[in-house]
Amino acid sequence: MNTYLLVICASLLWVVATQFYAQIGRAIPIYRFNFYKTCIAFTLFLGGAIVGNGLNVLPAALPYLFFSGLVGYALADLFIFYGFAKAGPARTLMITSFEPSIIALFAYIFFDHTINLGKLSGIFMVFLCLYFLALEKKKTKKLIDKEATKVLGWIVIGMILEALGTTFSKQAFIIDPKLTSMTANVYRLLPAFIILPLVTYFFKDTLSIKDLSMALRKKIIFSSIIGTWFALFLWVKAIGLPGHPAVVAALGSLSPFYASIYEHTKSRSLPNRYFFCALLCMAIGVILIVSSQ
């Protein structure tokens, strides 16, 4: 049960953070923002690891952590955060919600991890929930406009890279059962300090914060703490616990549902029948995932 609670909490934090990600991504280049949030999160992860169990990790797990951070964080976030800025949080989250099926495929191909029928049925019900949610959004506003269509491919690439990173993160925890989330994220974030400055140099830009307003700096700090540090800490901790990573990702992919609740609450509008169908599918899916052994 702890695994599921961790994922749900991480998803809720992620929904809040994405609202700021979209605003920041429209104000400054994505690679600059990714570098700022990486610096903030890395500092917090490093401090937490030093205060906690230290930076000890089995050497055999390091390549998996580095590769996971390279593809699942440094590269994937460039594509996904571009989606937040151009297509909006709701649309990007809807597209990336198909990540569990990609994780299940990667886990089977690379590490021969299988998943039982009960949990697989739960994942299917989560997809059905998101399908009804898409219908609900289509009835209330245009789901994919011309601008969002242009970045669809980039978001899908980011989703695949993130799924690959999650799969390899899980394997690192299998190799080193004593590995903590704080320590794992320290090593996962290291490749970003190579990739992001190189991207910045390629675009002949600067990583200086002097040209940023105080309001924008506050948004960067706040969103980095709740979305990149705290949510990522909970997410990786959940990945490290026993269970198939696709199941964890399935519960994490319910972010669009939470975002829809937030939108209805904010606009004080009543949801239509598709929303309640999505709610029913979500409940059935969560029950199947939690109860299946």
Protein backbone atom coordinates (compact mmCIF):
# COMPACT_ATOMS: atom_id res chain seq x y z
CA MET A 1 0.00 0.00 0.00
CA ASN A 2 2.89 2.37 0.74
CA THR A 3 3.92 2.19 -2.90
CA TYR A 4 0.52 3.33 -4.11
CA LEU A 5 0.25 6.17 -1.60
CA LEU A 6 3.70 7.41 -2.62
CA VAL A 7 2.72 7.44 -6.31
CA ILE A 8 -0.58 9.22 -5.70
CA CYS A 9 1.13 11.91 -3.58
CA ALA A 10 3.82 12.33 -6.24
CA SER A 11 1.15 12.67 -8.95
CA LEU A 12 -0.73 15.35 -7.00
CA LEU A 13 2.47 17.33 -6.49
CA TRP A 14 3.29 16.89 -10.18
CA VAL A 15 -0.10 18.30 -11.22
CA VAL A 16 0.52 21.44 -9.16
CA ALA A 17 4.09 21.81 -10.45
CA THR A 18 3.08 21.45 -14.12
CA GLN A 19 0.95 24.59 -13.88
CA PHE A 20 4.15 26.51 -13.09
CA TYR A 21 6.24 24.55 -15.61
CA ALA A 22 4.02 25.75 -18.44
CA GLN A 23 4.31 29.39 -17.35
CA ILE A 24 8.08 29.21 -16.90
CA GLY A 25 8.57 27.35 -20.19
CA ARG A 26 6.88 30.20 -22.05
CA ALA A 27 9.12 32.79 -20.34
CA ILE A 28 12.58 31.23 -20.79
CA PRO A 29 14.08 28.41 -22.92
CA ILE A 30 13.31 24.91 -21.63
CA TYR A 31 16.96 23.91 -21.32
CA ARG A 32 17.66 26.90 -19.05
CA PHE A 33 14.74 26.04 -16.79
CA ASN A 34 15.77 22.38 -16.68
CA PHE A 35 19.25 23.41 -15.60
CA TYR A 36 17.93 25.68 -12.82
CA LYS A 37 15.55 23.05 -11.45
CA THR A 38 18.27 20.40 -11.66
CA CYS A 39 20.63 22.55 -9.58
CA ILE A 40 17.96 23.12 -6.92
CA ALA A 41 16.84 19.48 -6.79
CA PHE A 42 20.40 18.12 -6.86
CA THR A 43 21.39 20.31 -3.90
CA LEU A 44 18.42 19.02 -1.88
CA PHE A 45 19.00 15.40 -2.89
CA LEU A 46 22.71 15.63 -2.04
CA GLY A 47 21.97 17.18 1.35
CA GLY A 48 19.34 14.55 2.11
CA ALA A 49 21.64 11.71 1.06
CA ILE A 50 24.54 12.98 3.18
CA VAL A 51 22.32 13.45 6.24
CA GLY A 52 20.68 10.07 5.63
CA ASN A 53 22.49 6.91 4.52
CA GLY A 54 25.26 8.62 2.58
CA LEU A 55 26.17 8.18 -1.07
CA ASN A 56 27.00 4.48 -0.88
CA VAL A 57 25.80 2.41 -3.83
CA LEU A 58 26.92 -0.89 -5.32
CA PRO A 59 29.16 -0.21 -8.36
CA ALA A 60 27.04 -2.60 -10.44
CA ALA A 61 23.99 -0.33 -9.99
CA LEU A 62 25.73 2.88 -11.09
CA PRO A 63 25.51 2.33 -14.88
CA TYR A 64 21.76 1.80 -14.56
CA LEU A 65 21.36 4.99 -12.50
CA PHE A 66 23.48 7.05 -14.90
CA PHE A 67 21.65 5.72 -17.96
CA SER A 68 18.30 6.22 -16.25
CA GLY A 69 19.17 9.82 -15.47
CA LEU A 70 20.56 10.47 -18.95
CA VAL A 71 17.53 9.26 -20.92
CA GLY A 72 14.75 9.44 -18.32
CA TYR A 73 15.57 12.83 -16.85
CA ALA A 74 18.10 14.94 -18.76
CA LEU A 75 16.84 14.13 -22.27
CA ALA A 76 13.19 13.22 -21.57
CA ASP A 77 12.49 16.44 -19.68
CA LEU A 78 13.69 18.55 -22.62
CA PHE A 79 10.96 17.04 -24.79
CA ILE A 80 8.21 16.80 -22.16
CA PHE A 81 8.73 20.29 -20.76
CA TYR A 82 8.65 21.61 -24.31
CA GLY A 83 5.22 20.04 -24.45
CA PHE A 84 4.17 21.79 -21.23
CA ALA A 85 5.14 25.14 -22.72
CA LYS A 86 3.68 24.64 -26.20
CA ALA A 87 0.76 22.23 -25.81
CA GLY A 88 -0.14 22.93 -22.19
CA PRO A 89 -0.03 20.71 -19.06
CA ALA A 90 -3.37 18.92 -19.59
CA ARG A 91 -2.61 17.80 -23.15
CA THR A 92 0.96 16.79 -22.36
CA LEU A 93 -0.11 14.76 -19.31
CA MET A 94 -2.78 13.08 -21.42
CA ILE A 95 -0.22 11.95 -24.00
CA THR A 96 2.36 10.78 -21.44
CA SER A 97 -0.32 8.76 -19.62
CA PHE A 98 0.37 5.90 -22.06
CA GLU A 99 3.78 5.42 -20.46
CA PRO A 100 2.85 2.27 -18.39
CA SER A 101 2.40 0.16 -21.53
CA ILE A 102 5.84 1.27 -22.78
CA ILE A 103 7.39 0.45 -19.38
CA ALA A 104 5.80 -3.01 -19.38
CA LEU A 105 7.26 -3.63 -22.84
CA PHE A 106 10.75 -2.38 -21.90
CA ALA A 107 10.73 -4.34 -18.62
CA TYR A 108 9.96 -7.53 -20.53
CA ILE A 109 12.44 -6.89 -23.36
CA PHE A 110 15.44 -5.84 -21.25
CA PHE A 111 14.92 -7.66 -17.92
CA ASP A 112 12.27 -10.34 -18.59
CA HIS A 113 9.89 -8.83 -16.01
CA THR A 114 6.33 -10.13 -16.36
CA ILE A 115 3.06 -8.82 -14.92
CA ASN A 116 0.02 -10.78 -13.70
CA LEU A 117 -3.42 -10.62 -15.31
CA GLY A 118 -5.06 -8.78 -12.39
CA LYS A 119 -2.64 -5.86 -12.46
CA LEU A 120 -2.69 -5.84 -16.26
CA SER A 121 -6.48 -5.52 -16.11
CA GLY A 122 -6.06 -2.65 -13.65
CA ILE A 123 -3.73 -0.86 -16.06
CA PHE A 124 -6.29 -1.34 -18.83
CA MET A 125 -8.99 0.25 -16.64
CA VAL A 126 -6.66 3.22 -16.05
CA PHE A 127 -6.32 3.63 -19.81
CA LEU A 128 -10.12 3.45 -20.09
CA CYS A 129 -10.37 6.15 -17.43
CA LEU A 130 -8.08 8.39 -19.46
CA TYR A 131 -10.09 7.65 -22.61
CA PHE A 132 -13.30 8.89 -20.99
CA LEU A 133 -11.40 11.86 -19.60
CA ALA A 134 -10.28 12.72 -23.14
CA LEU A 135 -13.90 12.57 -24.29
CA GLU A 136 -14.89 14.87 -21.45
CA LYS A 137 -12.25 17.42 -22.41
CA LYS A 138 -13.25 17.18 -26.06
CA LYS A 139 -16.78 18.16 -25.07
CA THR A 140 -15.64 21.15 -23.05
CA LYS A 141 -12.73 22.45 -25.14
CA LYS A 142 -10.65 21.49 -28.12
CA LEU A 143 -8.23 18.81 -27.00
CA ILE A 144 -5.53 19.11 -29.67
CA ASP A 145 -5.10 22.30 -31.65
CA LYS A 146 -2.72 23.08 -34.50
CA GLU A 147 0.11 24.16 -32.23
CA ALA A 148 -0.18 21.10 -30.00
CA THR A 149 -0.12 18.78 -33.01
CA LYS A 150 3.30 20.11 -34.02
CA VAL A 151 4.86 19.13 -30.69
CA LEU A 152 3.03 15.80 -30.37
CA GLY A 153 6.03 13.89 -31.72
CA TRP A 154 8.41 15.54 -29.27
CA ILE A 155 6.16 14.67 -26.32
CA VAL A 156 5.93 11.03 -27.46
CA ILE A 157 9.74 10.85 -27.70
CA GLY A 158 9.99 12.28 -24.18
CA MET A 159 7.47 9.71 -22.92
CA ILE A 160 9.44 6.81 -24.43
CA LEU A 161 12.71 8.09 -22.96
CA GLU A 162 11.10 8.56 -19.53
CA ALA A 163 9.68 5.02 -19.68
CA LEU A 164 13.14 3.67 -20.52
CA GLY A 165 14.63 5.61 -17.61
CA THR A 166 12.02 4.30 -15.17
CA THR A 167 12.70 0.71 -16.27
CA PHE A 168 16.44 1.04 -15.69
CA SER A 169 15.90 2.80 -12.35
CA LYS A 170 13.93 -0.22 -11.16
CA GLN A 171 16.77 -2.51 -12.16
CA ALA A 172 19.24 -0.43 -10.11
CA PHE A 173 17.11 -1.01 -7.00
CA ILE A 174 16.95 -4.74 -7.75
CA ILE A 175 20.76 -4.86 -7.96
CA ASP A 176 21.20 -2.78 -4.79
CA PRO A 177 18.24 -3.38 -2.40
CA LYS A 178 19.74 -0.96 0.17
CA LEU A 179 19.76 1.93 -2.30
CA THR A 180 17.70 4.93 -1.14
CA SER A 181 15.71 7.35 -3.26
CA MET A 182 17.83 10.31 -2.15
CA THR A 183 21.08 8.59 -3.14
CA ALA A 184 19.66 7.21 -6.39
CA ASN A 185 18.51 10.66 -7.51
CA VAL A 186 21.91 12.20 -6.80
CA TYR A 187 23.47 9.86 -9.35
CA ARG A 188 20.49 10.09 -11.73
CA LEU A 189 20.76 13.88 -11.95
CA LEU A 190 24.51 13.95 -12.65
CA PRO A 191 24.22 13.42 -16.45
CA ALA A 192 22.02 16.54 -16.67
CA PHE A 193 25.00 18.68 -15.67
CA ILE A 194 26.73 17.53 -18.85
CA ILE A 195 23.77 17.51 -21.26
CA LEU A 196 22.10 20.81 -20.36
CA PRO A 197 25.21 23.04 -20.55
CA LEU A 198 26.02 21.45 -23.93
CA VAL A 199 22.52 22.22 -25.21
CA THR A 200 22.84 25.77 -23.93
CA TYR A 201 26.19 26.18 -25.69
CA PHE A 202 24.66 24.78 -28.90
CA PHE A 203 21.96 27.47 -28.82
CA LYS A 204 24.56 30.10 -27.88
CA ASP A 205 22.55 31.03 -24.82
CA THR A 206 23.48 31.72 -21.19
CA LEU A 207 22.61 30.00 -17.91
CA SER A 208 22.77 33.25 -15.95
CA ILE A 209 19.79 34.18 -13.75
CA LYS A 210 20.50 37.94 -13.87
CA ASP A 211 17.87 38.56 -16.56
CA LEU A 212 15.10 36.76 -14.62
CA SER A 213 12.51 38.70 -12.65
CA MET A 214 12.06 38.01 -8.95
CA ALA A 215 8.57 36.61 -9.58
CA LEU A 216 9.92 34.16 -12.15
CA ARG A 217 12.74 33.12 -9.80
CA LYS A 218 10.20 32.35 -7.08
CA LYS A 219 8.16 30.21 -9.49
CA ILE A 220 11.29 28.31 -10.53
CA ILE A 221 12.29 27.64 -6.92
CA PHE A 222 8.81 26.61 -5.78
CA SER A 223 8.09 24.33 -8.74
CA SER A 224 11.56 22.78 -8.53
CA ILE A 225 11.08 21.93 -4.86
CA ILE A 226 7.63 20.35 -5.16
CA GLY A 227 7.89 18.93 -8.69
CA THR A 228 11.53 18.03 -9.27
CA TRP A 229 12.69 17.31 -5.73
CA PHE A 230 9.78 16.15 -3.59
CA ALA A 231 7.66 14.50 -6.29
CA LEU A 232 10.72 12.86 -7.87
CA PHE A 233 11.84 11.64 -4.44
CA LEU A 234 8.45 9.99 -3.83
CA TRP A 235 8.31 8.61 -7.39
CA VAL A 236 11.77 6.99 -7.31
CA LYS A 237 11.11 5.69 -3.80
CA ALA A 238 7.94 4.00 -5.10
CA ILE A 239 9.87 2.56 -8.06
CA GLY A 240 12.41 1.08 -5.62
CA LEU A 241 9.78 -0.78 -3.59
CA PRO A 242 8.63 -4.30 -4.58
CA GLY A 243 6.30 -4.36 -7.56
CA HIS A 244 6.29 -3.96 -11.34
CA PRO A 245 7.29 -0.47 -12.53
CA ALA A 246 4.42 -0.44 -15.04
CA VAL A 247 1.93 -0.69 -12.17
CA VAL A 248 3.56 2.26 -10.42
CA ALA A 249 3.50 4.23 -13.66
CA ALA A 250 -0.18 3.36 -14.22
CA LEU A 251 -1.17 5.02 -10.95
CA GLY A 252 1.16 7.90 -11.73
CA SER A 253 -0.51 8.37 -15.12
CA LEU A 254 -3.76 9.42 -13.39
CA SER A 255 -2.40 12.97 -13.18
CA PRO A 256 -4.80 14.19 -15.93
CA PHE A 257 -7.72 13.01 -13.77
CA TYR A 258 -6.50 15.04 -10.79
CA ALA A 259 -5.90 17.99 -13.11
CA SER A 260 -9.48 17.69 -14.38
CA ILE A 261 -10.82 17.84 -10.81
CA TYR A 262 -8.72 20.95 -10.23
CA GLU A 263 -10.05 22.58 -13.41
CA HIS A 264 -13.68 21.90 -12.49
CA THR A 265 -13.12 23.21 -8.97
CA LYS A 266 -11.38 26.33 -10.21
CA SER A 267 -14.01 27.10 -12.87
CA ARG A 268 -16.89 25.96 -10.61
CA SER A 269 -18.29 23.92 -13.48
CA LEU A 270 -20.14 20.62 -13.19
CA PRO A 271 -18.49 17.57 -14.81
CA ASN A 272 -20.40 15.68 -17.51
CA ARG A 273 -21.14 11.95 -17.76
CA TYR A 274 -17.73 11.16 -19.24
CA PHE A 275 -16.06 12.42 -16.07
CA PHE A 276 -18.10 10.03 -13.92
CA CYS A 277 -17.33 7.15 -16.28
CA ALA A 278 -13.65 8.03 -15.87
CA LEU A 279 -14.09 8.10 -12.08
CA LEU A 280 -15.68 4.63 -12.11
CA CYS A 281 -12.92 3.19 -14.31
CA MET A 282 -10.26 4.74 -12.10
CA ALA A 283 -11.81 3.20 -8.97
CA ILE A 284 -12.02 -0.26 -10.58
CA GLY A 285 -8.46 0.03 -11.92
CA VAL A 286 -7.00 1.05 -8.55
CA ILE A 287 -8.87 -1.78 -6.78
CA LEU A 288 -7.57 -4.34 -9.29
CA ILE A 289 -4.00 -3.05 -9.01
CA VAL A 290 -3.99 -2.95 -5.20
CA SER A 291 -5.80 -6.26 -4.63
CA SER A 292 -4.01 -8.40 -7.24
CA GLN A 293 -1.09 -10.41 -5.93
